[in-house]
C-alpha cells in the first residue's frame, strides 16, 4: 500500500511540476502580453477539458467498481445463506437424533438377555 502512496505522491508532484514549468515558460516567452494571455487562455481551456474528461472517466470506473462490489456482496450473501441453512438442517437432524436417543428407554440386562 505504501508503494501506491509513494507513486501517487510522485505522480502529483510530476503533474504540478509540469504545470508550473509550462506557466513559467509562457510567462518568459518572447511574445507580447496579449499573445501570452491568449495562449494561457487556450491552454487553460484545454486543461479544463482534460480534467473534465478524467473526472468523468474516474466516475465511470468508480461506478463500475461499486457495481462489481455490490454483485460480489450479493453473491457472498447467497452463499452465506445457503451455508446457514445447511448448518441449521444439520443441527436439527443431530438434535432430533439426540432427543430420540434420550427418549428411547434403555434396555436392562435382563431384556437384552432374552
Protein backbone atom coordinates (compact mmCIF):
# COMPACT_ATOMS: atom_id res chain seq x y z
CA UNK A 1 0.00 0.00 0.00
CA UNK A 2 2.87 2.37 0.72
CA UNK A 3 4.16 1.84 -2.83
CA UNK A 4 0.85 3.16 -4.14
CA UNK A 5 1.03 6.17 -1.83
CA UNK A 6 4.59 6.91 -2.95
CA UNK A 7 3.65 6.55 -6.61
CA UNK A 8 0.61 8.79 -6.11
CA UNK A 9 2.77 11.45 -4.46
CA UNK A 10 5.30 11.17 -7.27
CA UNK A 11 2.55 11.49 -9.89
CA UNK A 12 1.03 14.56 -8.22
CA UNK A 13 4.47 16.16 -7.95
CA UNK A 14 5.20 15.38 -11.57
CA UNK A 15 1.94 16.97 -12.74
CA UNK A 16 2.32 20.04 -10.54
CA UNK A 17 5.92 20.45 -11.68
CA UNK A 18 4.91 20.13 -15.32
CA UNK A 19 2.17 22.72 -14.94
CA UNK A 20 4.49 25.09 -13.11
CA UNK A 21 7.10 24.72 -15.83
CA UNK A 22 4.50 25.37 -18.51
CA UNK A 23 3.30 28.55 -16.79
CA UNK A 24 6.85 29.84 -16.26
CA UNK A 25 7.77 29.13 -19.87
CA UNK A 26 4.70 31.01 -21.05
CA UNK A 27 5.47 33.99 -18.85
CA UNK A 28 9.08 34.22 -20.06
CA UNK A 29 8.27 33.51 -23.70
CA UNK A 30 9.31 36.20 -26.22
CA UNK A 31 5.73 37.10 -27.08
CA UNK A 32 3.57 40.10 -26.44
CA UNK A 33 1.37 40.13 -23.37
CA UNK A 34 -1.76 39.79 -25.46
CA UNK A 35 -0.44 36.71 -27.26
CA UNK A 36 0.68 35.20 -23.96
CA UNK A 37 -2.73 35.78 -22.37
CA UNK A 38 -4.45 34.21 -25.38
CA UNK A 39 -2.10 31.23 -25.16
CA UNK A 40 -2.74 30.87 -21.41
CA UNK A 41 -6.48 31.05 -22.03
CA UNK A 42 -6.29 28.35 -24.71
CA UNK A 43 -4.15 26.11 -22.53
CA UNK A 44 -6.44 26.60 -19.52
CA UNK A 45 -9.48 25.63 -21.62
CA UNK A 46 -7.61 22.57 -22.88
CA UNK A 47 -6.57 21.65 -19.33
CA UNK A 48 -10.13 22.12 -18.06
CA UNK A 49 -11.45 19.82 -20.79
CA UNK A 50 -8.84 17.18 -19.97
CA UNK A 51 -9.65 17.42 -16.27
CA UNK A 52 -13.36 17.09 -17.00
CA UNK A 53 -12.74 14.03 -19.18
CA UNK A 54 -10.52 12.49 -16.49
CA UNK A 55 -13.15 13.15 -13.83
CA UNK A 56 -15.85 11.51 -15.96
CA UNK A 57 -13.60 8.52 -16.58
CA UNK A 58 -12.82 8.21 -12.87
CA UNK A 59 -16.53 8.43 -12.05
CA UNK A 60 -17.33 5.71 -14.57
CA UNK A 61 -14.61 3.47 -13.10
CA UNK A 62 -15.88 4.12 -9.58
CA UNK A 63 -19.45 3.25 -10.60
CA UNK A 64 -18.25 0.05 -12.27
CA UNK A 65 -16.24 -0.91 -9.19
CA UNK A 66 -19.25 -0.20 -6.95
CA UNK A 67 -21.50 -2.34 -9.14
CA UNK A 68 -18.95 -5.16 -9.08
CA UNK A 69 -18.62 -4.91 -5.30
CA UNK A 70 -22.41 -4.92 -4.93
CA UNK A 71 -22.68 -8.04 -7.11
CA UNK A 72 -19.91 -9.76 -5.15
CA UNK A 73 -21.60 -8.87 -1.86
CA UNK A 74 -24.90 -10.29 -3.12
CA UNK A 75 -23.18 -13.50 -4.19
CA UNK A 76 -21.46 -13.83 -0.81
CA UNK A 77 -24.78 -13.22 0.95
CA UNK A 78 -26.39 -16.02 -1.08
CA UNK A 79 -23.52 -18.38 -0.23
CA UNK A 80 -23.73 -17.46 3.44
CA UNK A 81 -27.49 -18.02 3.47
CA UNK A 82 -27.11 -21.45 1.85
CA UNK A 83 -24.37 -22.38 4.29
CA UNK A 84 -26.50 -21.24 7.21
CA UNK A 85 -29.46 -23.29 6.00
CA UNK A 86 -27.21 -26.34 5.71
CA UNK A 87 -25.90 -25.85 9.24
CA UNK A 88 -29.41 -25.34 10.65
CA UNK A 89 -30.61 -28.51 8.91
CA UNK A 90 -27.62 -30.46 10.25
CA UNK A 91 -28.20 -29.17 13.79
CA UNK A 92 -31.90 -30.07 13.60
CA UNK A 93 -31.03 -33.60 12.46
CA UNK A 94 -28.46 -34.07 15.21
CA UNK A 95 -30.82 -32.63 17.79
CA UNK A 96 -33.61 -34.96 16.73
CA UNK A 97 -31.26 -37.93 16.85
CA UNK A 98 -30.07 -36.95 20.33
CA UNK A 99 -33.65 -36.40 21.51
CA UNK A 100 -34.74 -39.78 20.14
CA UNK A 101 -31.81 -41.43 21.89
CA UNK A 102 -32.77 -39.82 25.20
CA UNK A 103 -36.47 -40.66 24.85
CA UNK A 104 -35.86 -44.28 23.84
CA UNK A 105 -35.92 -46.40 27.00
CA UNK A 106 -32.70 -48.25 27.63
CA UNK A 107 -32.98 -51.97 27.80
CA UNK A 108 -31.98 -53.62 31.00
CA UNK A 109 -29.56 -56.53 31.09
CA UNK A 110 -32.44 -58.95 31.55
CA UNK A 111 -34.23 -57.67 28.45
CA UNK A 112 -31.03 -57.88 26.44
CA UNK A 113 -30.50 -61.49 27.55
CA UNK A 114 -33.95 -62.52 26.48
